[in-house]
């Protein structure tokens, strides 16, 4: 029977040989015993540390649950009344919609449009710091002025979502909460999995168990077309070659939603947005940062593709996107499941929402220069390997046939409206532009 020494250090020809005299054995066992003791103490300390961290996490999560998960202090003090009031329908045949990402760019515009026509709207947003949360807070204040209540919480919070569905029997969900941006995925990839995949699944789990089940419209992205070089992009084109992690999470979302539609009878519509821009937009978008830097006299970086080809985007004005979102909600059909059990087939749809007229980035800058009356300091460089694609171009015929989608705002007009909003919101103190410059710009409508 092999000794403990032989089991720990098997004899391997050509590698090493153990000296088996008695003195060496005694020295070895003493060392082994000491090492074993240290190992056990290390395991104990690791277990103790893990237990503490686990307890601390429990305390922290419990604190967040009671202080913020139910909508923050405001909802705790007011109870369910503001949520019920916000969800109240004010038109015949209207809908009650949960809008996730309601304090975001598209979410705030969609929420306002729904409220304007008399639908009930409850917002949900976690107000993360991907970009300046003060802009999100300002959007929230705007929504509040129109009677829309925004719950502060994360779409991954299943208990919060369940509570909302207990309070309101939502007929529809407009899921716009997501981690946006292509380049940021290289810095913080886990945030995309957390929001775009885990958050989506958490929401779908709540929706499939709801009774009645709501119809769901959610934001996919034109990024799913990835390395596709066929133009214009059609919903029938291949989407299995993502060029970024962001695109991959949106493609995963399309597969996940298809699964929930198939198994649980959820009526689901995915919308592939094409480069949305306009007032109250996202500061990380090129047109937004270009405007800021041009007014501050800072250089702007313009990327170009292979062989010095200008990048082009199908820039889509926010009002056209909103019309597509509302059209999708209106024609979404009904979910067929009940308490998590499918009763029959339910609609599953995917649509492009774009402007159908790509514009190169240098032309975008030309338009901004005319509206701002300031020349840009251009720094043209080759596009890095960060997941961006050289062009996007939407074929929107499917959306036109399904609900009459027809974009009406060209880039010249849309940027004019954006510039007017930007100057009104930030004022000349935001940058280095002179007061006279800003006053001359305020005439634009």
Protein backbone atom coordinates (compact mmCIF):
# COMPACT_ATOMS: atom_id res chain seq x y z
CA UNK A 1 0.00 0.00 0.00
CA UNK A 2 1.54 3.33 -1.00
CA UNK A 3 2.52 5.69 1.78
CA UNK A 4 1.19 9.24 2.14
CA UNK A 5 4.54 10.45 0.86
CA UNK A 6 4.25 8.33 -2.27
CA UNK A 7 0.70 9.58 -2.95
CA UNK A 8 1.76 13.22 -2.62
CA UNK A 9 4.98 12.86 -4.53
CA UNK A 10 4.64 9.94 -6.96
CA UNK A 11 7.84 8.50 -8.33
CA UNK A 12 8.20 9.71 -11.88
CA UNK A 13 11.27 8.45 -13.77
CA UNK A 14 13.43 11.26 -15.04
CA UNK A 15 11.89 13.99 -12.82
CA UNK A 16 12.88 13.65 -9.18
CA UNK A 17 13.53 11.01 -6.53
CA UNK A 18 12.68 11.29 -2.82
CA UNK A 19 15.43 10.54 -0.27
CA UNK A 20 13.78 8.00 2.04
CA UNK A 21 15.97 8.13 5.11
CA UNK A 22 14.30 8.51 8.50
CA UNK A 23 15.54 12.03 9.22
CA UNK A 24 14.14 13.34 5.96
CA UNK A 25 10.79 11.68 6.64
CA UNK A 26 10.50 13.32 10.05
CA UNK A 27 11.40 16.71 8.57
CA UNK A 28 8.88 16.25 5.76
CA UNK A 29 5.96 15.31 8.04
CA UNK A 30 6.71 18.26 10.33
CA UNK A 31 6.67 20.62 7.36
CA UNK A 32 3.53 19.02 5.94
CA UNK A 33 1.70 19.31 9.25
CA UNK A 34 2.66 22.98 9.52
CA UNK A 35 1.56 23.63 5.94
CA UNK A 36 -1.74 21.85 6.49
CA UNK A 37 -2.44 23.95 9.57
CA UNK A 38 -1.73 27.14 7.67
CA UNK A 39 -3.94 25.94 4.81
CA UNK A 40 -6.82 25.25 7.18
CA UNK A 41 -6.42 28.68 8.78
CA UNK A 42 -6.42 30.26 5.32
CA UNK A 43 -9.62 28.43 4.44
CA UNK A 44 -11.19 29.60 7.69
CA UNK A 45 -10.25 33.24 7.02
CA UNK A 46 -11.57 33.02 3.45
CA UNK A 47 -14.85 31.55 4.67
CA UNK A 48 -15.12 34.23 7.37
CA UNK A 49 -14.48 36.99 4.83
CA UNK A 50 -16.99 35.52 2.38
CA UNK A 51 -19.60 35.27 5.13
CA UNK A 52 -19.05 38.90 6.08
CA UNK A 53 -19.27 40.09 2.49
CA UNK A 54 -22.39 38.00 1.95
CA UNK A 55 -23.99 39.48 5.05
CA UNK A 56 -22.95 42.99 4.04
CA UNK A 57 -24.43 42.42 0.58
CA UNK A 58 -27.65 41.24 2.21
CA UNK A 59 -27.78 44.34 4.39
CA UNK A 60 -27.02 46.63 1.44
CA UNK A 61 -29.58 44.97 -0.82
CA UNK A 62 -32.16 45.04 1.95
CA UNK A 63 -31.48 48.71 2.51
CA UNK A 64 -31.86 49.42 -1.20
CA UNK A 65 -35.01 47.34 -1.28
CA UNK A 66 -36.72 49.31 1.46
CA UNK A 67 -35.37 52.75 0.59
CA UNK A 68 -35.29 52.80 -3.21
CA UNK A 69 -36.70 49.63 -4.69
CA UNK A 70 -40.31 50.68 -4.26
CA UNK A 71 -39.83 53.98 -6.03
CA UNK A 72 -37.76 55.82 -3.47
CA UNK A 73 -38.88 57.90 -0.52
CA UNK A 74 -41.51 59.65 -2.61
CA UNK A 75 -43.45 56.46 -3.29
CA UNK A 76 -43.00 55.24 0.30
CA UNK A 77 -44.64 58.40 1.63
CA UNK A 78 -47.42 58.55 -0.93
CA UNK A 79 -48.16 54.84 -1.17
CA UNK A 80 -49.59 53.40 -4.37
CA UNK A 81 -51.71 56.44 -5.22
CA UNK A 82 -49.24 58.21 -7.56
CA UNK A 83 -48.67 55.02 -9.53
CA UNK A 84 -52.37 54.30 -9.90
CA UNK A 85 -53.05 57.91 -10.86
CA UNK A 86 -50.28 57.92 -13.46
CA UNK A 87 -51.56 54.65 -14.96
CA UNK A 88 -55.12 55.94 -15.31
CA UNK A 89 -56.46 55.87 -18.89
CA UNK A 90 -58.13 59.05 -20.17
CA UNK A 91 -59.41 57.98 -23.58
CA UNK A 92 -61.78 55.38 -24.92
CA UNK A 93 -59.94 52.25 -25.95
CA UNK A 94 -56.73 53.51 -24.39
CA UNK A 95 -53.93 51.49 -22.87
CA UNK A 96 -51.99 51.44 -19.63
CA UNK A 97 -48.28 51.27 -20.40
CA UNK A 98 -45.23 50.56 -18.27
CA UNK A 99 -42.33 52.42 -19.91
CA UNK A 100 -38.90 51.24 -18.80
CA UNK A 101 -36.07 53.70 -19.31
CA UNK A 102 -38.70 56.46 -19.07
CA UNK A 103 -36.17 59.13 -18.08
CA UNK A 104 -34.04 58.27 -21.10
CA UNK A 105 -34.04 60.00 -24.47
CA UNK A 106 -36.56 57.87 -26.36
CA UNK A 107 -38.41 56.82 -23.20
CA UNK A 108 -39.27 60.36 -22.15
CA UNK A 109 -40.56 61.30 -25.61
CA UNK A 110 -42.65 58.14 -25.91
CA UNK A 111 -44.09 58.64 -22.42
CA UNK A 112 -45.13 62.21 -23.22
CA UNK A 113 -46.72 61.17 -26.51
CA UNK A 114 -48.72 58.42 -24.80
CA UNK A 115 -49.89 60.79 -22.08
CA UNK A 116 -50.81 63.46 -24.61
CA UNK A 117 -53.25 61.14 -26.37
CA UNK A 118 -54.80 59.95 -23.10
CA UNK A 119 -53.05 56.69 -22.30
CA UNK A 120 -51.99 55.70 -18.80
CA UNK A 121 -48.21 55.77 -18.31
CA UNK A 122 -45.98 54.64 -15.45
CA UNK A 123 -42.24 55.10 -15.89
CA UNK A 124 -39.32 53.11 -14.51
CA UNK A 125 -35.70 54.24 -14.60
CA UNK A 126 -32.58 53.56 -12.53
CA UNK A 127 -30.94 56.94 -13.35
CA UNK A 128 -27.51 55.37 -13.80
CA UNK A 129 -24.42 57.47 -14.44
CA UNK A 130 -23.54 56.30 -17.96
CA UNK A 131 -24.08 59.95 -18.83
CA UNK A 132 -24.96 62.96 -16.66
CA UNK A 133 -27.92 61.89 -14.47
CA UNK A 134 -28.98 65.54 -14.15
CA UNK A 135 -30.29 65.38 -17.72
CA UNK A 136 -32.36 62.33 -16.78
CA UNK A 137 -33.64 64.13 -13.69
CA UNK A 138 -34.65 67.08 -15.88
CA UNK A 139 -36.55 64.72 -18.18
CA UNK A 140 -38.22 63.19 -15.12
CA UNK A 141 -39.31 66.65 -13.98
CA UNK A 142 -40.78 67.27 -17.43
CA UNK A 143 -42.72 64.02 -17.22
CA UNK A 144 -43.93 64.89 -13.74
CA UNK A 145 -45.25 68.22 -15.04
CA UNK A 146 -47.46 66.17 -17.38
CA UNK A 147 -48.73 63.83 -14.68
CA UNK A 148 -46.38 60.93 -15.38
CA UNK A 149 -44.90 59.20 -12.35
CA UNK A 150 -41.44 57.67 -12.74
CA UNK A 151 -40.45 54.97 -10.27
CA UNK A 152 -36.76 54.97 -9.47
CA UNK A 153 -35.60 51.38 -9.70
CA UNK A 154 -33.79 48.80 -11.80
CA UNK A 155 -35.42 46.52 -14.35
CA UNK A 156 -33.47 43.65 -12.77
CA UNK A 157 -35.43 44.14 -9.54
CA UNK A 158 -38.02 41.38 -9.87
CA UNK A 159 -39.73 42.26 -6.58
CA UNK A 160 -40.22 45.84 -7.71
CA UNK A 161 -41.63 44.75 -11.07
CA UNK A 162 -43.97 42.28 -9.38
CA UNK A 163 -45.17 45.03 -7.06
CA UNK A 164 -45.87 47.34 -10.01
CA UNK A 165 -47.89 44.65 -11.77
CA UNK A 166 -49.81 44.04 -8.54
CA UNK A 167 -50.72 47.72 -8.37
CA UNK A 168 -51.50 48.17 -12.08
CA UNK A 169 -52.84 45.69 -14.64
CA UNK A 170 -50.65 46.98 -17.47
CA UNK A 171 -52.02 46.26 -20.93
CA UNK A 172 -48.68 47.03 -22.59
CA UNK A 173 -45.00 47.31 -21.78
CA UNK A 174 -42.68 49.63 -23.71
CA UNK A 175 -39.24 48.31 -22.81
CA UNK A 176 -36.62 50.95 -23.59
CA UNK A 177 -34.29 50.51 -20.62
CA UNK A 178 -30.87 49.35 -21.83
CA UNK A 179 -27.17 50.00 -21.64
CA UNK A 180 -26.58 52.00 -24.80
CA UNK A 181 -23.47 52.84 -26.79
CA UNK A 182 -21.11 50.75 -28.90
CA UNK A 183 -17.71 51.96 -27.65
CA UNK A 184 -18.48 51.91 -23.93
CA UNK A 185 -18.83 48.12 -24.15
CA UNK A 186 -15.05 47.90 -24.38
CA UNK A 187 -14.77 49.63 -20.99
CA UNK A 188 -17.64 48.01 -19.11
CA UNK A 189 -18.89 44.87 -20.87
CA UNK A 190 -20.70 43.50 -17.83
CA UNK A 191 -23.09 46.46 -17.75
CA UNK A 192 -24.43 45.36 -21.15
CA UNK A 193 -25.08 41.81 -20.02
CA UNK A 194 -26.68 43.09 -16.81
CA UNK A 195 -29.06 45.51 -18.52
CA UNK A 196 -29.64 44.19 -22.02
CA UNK A 197 -29.85 40.48 -21.27
CA UNK A 198 -30.45 39.87 -17.56
CA UNK A 199 -32.78 42.85 -17.27
CA UNK A 200 -34.76 41.76 -20.31
CA UNK A 201 -35.19 38.24 -18.94
CA UNK A 202 -36.28 39.57 -15.55
CA UNK A 203 -38.95 41.71 -17.20
CA UNK A 204 -40.14 38.87 -19.45
CA UNK A 205 -40.43 36.55 -16.47
CA UNK A 206 -42.75 39.01 -14.74
CA UNK A 207 -44.77 39.60 -17.91
CA UNK A 208 -45.29 35.91 -18.67
CA UNK A 209 -46.58 35.30 -15.17
CA UNK A 210 -48.91 38.31 -15.17
CA UNK A 211 -52.63 37.79 -15.54
CA UNK A 212 -53.54 39.19 -17.97
CA UNK A 213 -50.25 39.19 -19.84
CA UNK A 214 -49.31 42.52 -21.41
CA UNK A 215 -48.20 42.97 -25.01
CA UNK A 216 -44.55 43.97 -25.22
CA UNK A 217 -42.74 46.38 -27.52
CA UNK A 218 -39.01 46.70 -26.95
CA UNK A 219 -35.98 48.47 -28.40
CA UNK A 220 -33.57 46.36 -30.37
CA UNK A 221 -31.04 48.15 -32.57
CA UNK A 222 -29.84 48.56 -36.13
CA UNK A 223 -26.49 47.39 -34.72
CA UNK A 224 -27.70 43.80 -35.04
CA UNK A 225 -26.99 44.00 -38.77
CA UNK A 226 -23.30 44.11 -37.83
CA UNK A 227 -21.00 43.31 -40.73
CA UNK A 228 -23.88 42.97 -43.19
CA UNK A 229 -22.92 44.90 -46.34
CA UNK A 230 -26.23 44.59 -48.17
CA UNK A 231 -28.01 47.93 -48.43
CA UNK A 232 -30.58 48.98 -47.39
CA UNK A 233 -30.88 46.79 -44.32
CA UNK A 234 -34.00 44.64 -44.33
CA UNK A 235 -35.51 42.62 -41.48
CA UNK A 236 -34.91 39.50 -43.60
CA UNK A 237 -31.15 40.11 -43.76
CA UNK A 238 -28.73 38.01 -41.70
CA UNK A 239 -27.94 39.31 -38.22
CA UNK A 240 -25.49 36.68 -37.03
CA UNK A 241 -22.31 38.75 -37.47
CA UNK A 242 -22.37 41.38 -34.71
CA UNK A 243 -19.49 43.85 -34.75
CA UNK A 244 -19.78 44.89 -31.08
CA UNK A 245 -20.80 43.50 -27.72
CA UNK A 246 -23.70 45.96 -27.68
CA UNK A 247 -24.94 44.51 -30.97
CA UNK A 248 -24.48 40.98 -29.64
CA UNK A 249 -26.62 41.70 -26.56
CA UNK A 250 -29.37 43.17 -28.74
CA UNK A 251 -29.25 40.16 -31.04
CA UNK A 252 -29.43 37.92 -27.96
CA UNK A 253 -32.47 39.92 -26.90
CA UNK A 254 -34.19 39.12 -30.18
CA UNK A 255 -33.59 35.41 -29.70
CA UNK A 256 -34.71 35.55 -26.07
CA UNK A 257 -37.94 37.40 -26.88
CA UNK A 258 -38.69 34.90 -29.64
CA UNK A 259 -38.35 32.11 -27.09
CA UNK A 260 -40.75 33.76 -24.63
CA UNK A 261 -43.21 34.39 -27.44
CA UNK A 262 -43.05 30.73 -28.48
CA UNK A 263 -43.25 29.18 -25.01
CA UNK A 264 -45.49 31.59 -23.10
CA UNK A 265 -47.63 33.28 -25.73
CA UNK A 266 -46.34 36.82 -25.15
CA UNK A 267 -47.12 39.22 -28.00
CA UNK A 268 -43.75 40.83 -28.71
CA UNK A 269 -42.54 43.46 -31.16
CA UNK A 270 -38.85 44.35 -31.52
CA UNK A 271 -37.87 47.72 -32.99
CA UNK A 272 -34.49 48.21 -34.62
CA UNK A 273 -33.75 51.90 -34.11
CA UNK A 274 -31.44 53.67 -36.55
CA UNK A 275 -29.29 56.46 -34.95
CA UNK A 276 -31.93 58.46 -33.12
CA UNK A 277 -31.28 62.18 -32.57
CA UNK A 278 -33.11 65.30 -31.45
CA UNK A 279 -33.94 67.49 -28.42
CA UNK A 280 -33.29 65.94 -25.00
CA UNK A 281 -30.89 63.53 -26.69
CA UNK A 282 -28.00 61.51 -25.31
CA UNK A 283 -24.74 63.44 -24.70
CA UNK A 284 -22.65 60.46 -25.83
CA UNK A 285 -24.04 60.65 -29.37
CA UNK A 286 -21.82 62.23 -32.03
CA UNK A 287 -24.17 65.06 -33.05
CA UNK A 288 -24.52 66.07 -29.37
CA UNK A 289 -20.81 66.06 -28.55
CA UNK A 290 -20.02 67.79 -31.87
CA UNK A 291 -22.38 70.62 -30.93
CA UNK A 292 -20.84 71.00 -27.50
CA UNK A 293 -17.25 71.01 -28.78
CA UNK A 294 -17.95 73.33 -31.69
CA UNK A 295 -19.47 75.92 -29.32
CA UNK A 296 -16.54 75.52 -26.93
CA UNK A 297 -13.99 75.91 -29.72
CA UNK A 298 -12.66 72.40 -29.21
CA UNK A 299 -11.70 70.05 -32.05
CA UNK A 300 -14.05 67.25 -33.02
CA UNK A 301 -12.95 63.79 -34.12
CA UNK A 302 -14.48 62.49 -37.32
CA UNK A 303 -13.89 58.84 -38.12
CA UNK A 304 -13.59 57.44 -41.61
CA UNK A 305 -13.72 53.88 -42.83
CA UNK A 306 -11.43 51.78 -44.99
CA UNK A 307 -9.95 53.45 -48.05
CA UNK A 308 -10.87 56.81 -46.49
CA UNK A 309 -14.56 56.29 -47.07
CA UNK A 310 -16.77 58.61 -45.02
CA UNK A 311 -18.97 56.93 -42.40
CA UNK A 312 -22.69 57.31 -43.06
CA UNK A 313 -25.67 56.93 -40.76
CA UNK A 314 -29.41 56.73 -41.24
CA UNK A 315 -30.09 59.57 -38.77
CA UNK A 316 -33.68 59.34 -37.54
CA UNK A 317 -35.42 62.23 -35.80
CA UNK A 318 -36.99 61.46 -32.43
CA UNK A 319 -40.54 62.36 -33.52
CA UNK A 320 -40.40 59.74 -36.28
CA UNK A 321 -39.17 57.13 -33.79
CA UNK A 322 -42.02 58.01 -31.42
CA UNK A 323 -44.57 57.56 -34.22
CA UNK A 324 -43.10 54.12 -34.87
CA UNK A 325 -43.23 53.18 -31.19
CA UNK A 326 -46.87 54.21 -30.83
CA UNK A 327 -47.80 52.49 -34.08
CA UNK A 328 -46.18 49.30 -32.80
CA UNK A 329 -48.08 49.49 -29.52
CA UNK A 330 -51.38 50.10 -31.31
CA UNK A 331 -50.95 47.09 -33.59
CA UNK A 332 -49.15 44.76 -31.18
CA UNK A 333 -52.02 42.31 -30.82
CA UNK A 334 -52.74 40.44 -27.62
CA UNK A 335 -50.70 38.01 -25.59
CA UNK A 336 -52.37 34.63 -25.38
CA UNK A 337 -50.93 33.20 -22.17
CA UNK A 338 -52.40 33.20 -18.69
CA UNK A 339 -50.36 32.86 -15.50
CA UNK A 340 -47.37 31.60 -17.44
CA UNK A 341 -49.24 29.10 -19.63
CA UNK A 342 -49.60 29.58 -23.37
CA UNK A 343 -53.15 29.29 -24.73
CA UNK A 344 -52.34 29.84 -28.39
CA UNK A 345 -49.93 31.53 -30.83
CA UNK A 346 -49.23 35.22 -30.31
CA UNK A 347 -47.76 37.84 -32.68
CA UNK A 348 -43.98 38.11 -32.91
CA UNK A 349 -42.67 40.96 -35.04
CA UNK A 350 -39.47 42.88 -35.76
CA UNK A 351 -39.38 46.23 -37.56
CA UNK A 352 -36.77 48.71 -38.72
CA UNK A 353 -37.40 52.31 -37.67
CA UNK A 354 -35.12 54.60 -39.67
CA UNK A 355 -35.15 57.65 -41.91
CA UNK A 356 -34.21 55.68 -45.06
CA UNK A 357 -31.79 58.44 -46.17
CA UNK A 358 -28.21 57.95 -44.92
CA UNK A 359 -26.05 61.05 -44.49
CA UNK A 360 -22.27 61.07 -44.11
CA UNK A 361 -20.80 62.31 -40.85
CA UNK A 362 -18.90 65.20 -42.55
CA UNK A 363 -22.23 66.37 -44.00
CA UNK A 364 -23.74 66.21 -40.54
CA UNK A 365 -20.98 68.52 -39.32
CA UNK A 366 -21.61 70.87 -42.27
CA UNK A 367 -25.25 71.21 -41.21
CA UNK A 368 -24.30 71.86 -37.57
CA UNK A 369 -21.85 74.56 -38.67
CA UNK A 370 -24.59 76.36 -40.60
CA UNK A 371 -27.01 76.26 -37.67
CA UNK A 372 -24.39 77.21 -35.09
CA UNK A 373 -22.68 79.79 -37.32
CA UNK A 374 -19.37 78.47 -36.01
CA UNK A 375 -16.74 76.53 -37.96
CA UNK A 376 -15.71 73.19 -36.54
CA UNK A 377 -12.11 72.26 -35.93
CA UNK A 378 -12.08 68.87 -37.61
CA UNK A 379 -9.71 66.06 -36.79
CA UNK A 380 -10.26 63.26 -39.30
CA UNK A 381 -8.87 59.85 -38.30
CA UNK A 382 -9.29 56.23 -39.33
CA UNK A 383 -12.01 54.35 -37.49
CA UNK A 384 -10.56 52.20 -34.69
CA UNK A 385 -11.61 48.61 -34.15
CA UNK A 386 -14.21 49.48 -31.53
CA UNK A 387 -17.28 47.82 -33.00
CA UNK A 388 -18.60 50.71 -35.09
CA UNK A 389 -19.83 49.92 -38.58
CA UNK A 390 -19.15 52.04 -41.70
CA UNK A 391 -22.78 52.74 -42.64
CA UNK A 392 -26.41 52.07 -41.81
CA UNK A 393 -29.42 52.30 -44.12
CA UNK A 394 -32.94 51.26 -43.17
CA UNK A 395 -35.55 49.58 -45.31
CA UNK A 396 -38.79 50.46 -43.48
CA UNK A 397 -41.33 48.95 -45.87
CA UNK A 398 -42.44 46.34 -43.28
CA UNK A 399 -43.28 49.02 -40.70
CA UNK A 400 -45.04 51.07 -43.35
CA UNK A 401 -47.26 48.12 -44.27
CA UNK A 402 -47.95 47.15 -40.64
CA UNK A 403 -48.85 50.54 -39.17
CA UNK A 404 -48.25 53.24 -41.76
CA UNK A 405 -44.77 54.24 -40.60
CA UNK A 406 -43.39 57.08 -42.69
CA UNK A 407 -40.51 59.30 -41.51
CA UNK A 408 -41.07 62.98 -42.31
CA UNK A 409 -38.13 64.88 -40.77
CA UNK A 410 -34.92 65.35 -42.74
CA UNK A 411 -31.57 65.90 -41.03
CA UNK A 412 -31.45 69.62 -41.85
CA UNK A 413 -34.78 70.24 -40.11
CA UNK A 414 -34.12 67.87 -37.23
CA UNK A 415 -30.73 69.36 -36.36
CA UNK A 416 -32.24 72.84 -36.49
CA UNK A 417 -34.70 71.82 -33.78
CA UNK A 418 -31.97 70.14 -31.79
CA UNK A 419 -29.74 73.23 -31.84
CA UNK A 420 -32.60 75.40 -30.64
CA UNK A 421 -33.23 73.02 -27.74
CA UNK A 422 -29.53 72.73 -26.90
CA UNK A 423 -29.04 76.46 -26.63
CA UNK A 424 -32.21 76.86 -24.61
CA UNK A 425 -31.33 74.04 -22.20
CA UNK A 426 -27.65 74.77 -21.64
CA UNK A 427 -27.36 78.47 -22.48
CA UNK A 428 -24.13 80.18 -23.51
CA UNK A 429 -22.54 79.54 -20.08
CA UNK A 430 -22.28 75.87 -20.99
CA UNK A 431 -19.56 76.60 -23.50
CA UNK A 432 -17.23 79.38 -24.61
CA UNK A 433 -19.53 80.86 -27.22
CA UNK A 434 -20.14 84.56 -26.73
CA UNK A 435 -23.49 85.90 -25.58
CA UNK A 436 -24.01 87.60 -28.93
CA UNK A 437 -23.37 84.34 -30.74
CA UNK A 438 -25.96 82.50 -28.67
CA UNK A 439 -28.50 85.31 -29.05
CA UNK A 440 -28.08 85.14 -32.82
CA UNK A 441 -28.62 81.39 -32.69
CA UNK A 442 -31.81 81.56 -30.64
CA UNK A 443 -33.82 82.63 -33.68
CA UNK A 444 -33.70 79.08 -35.09
CA UNK A 445 -36.85 77.05 -34.71
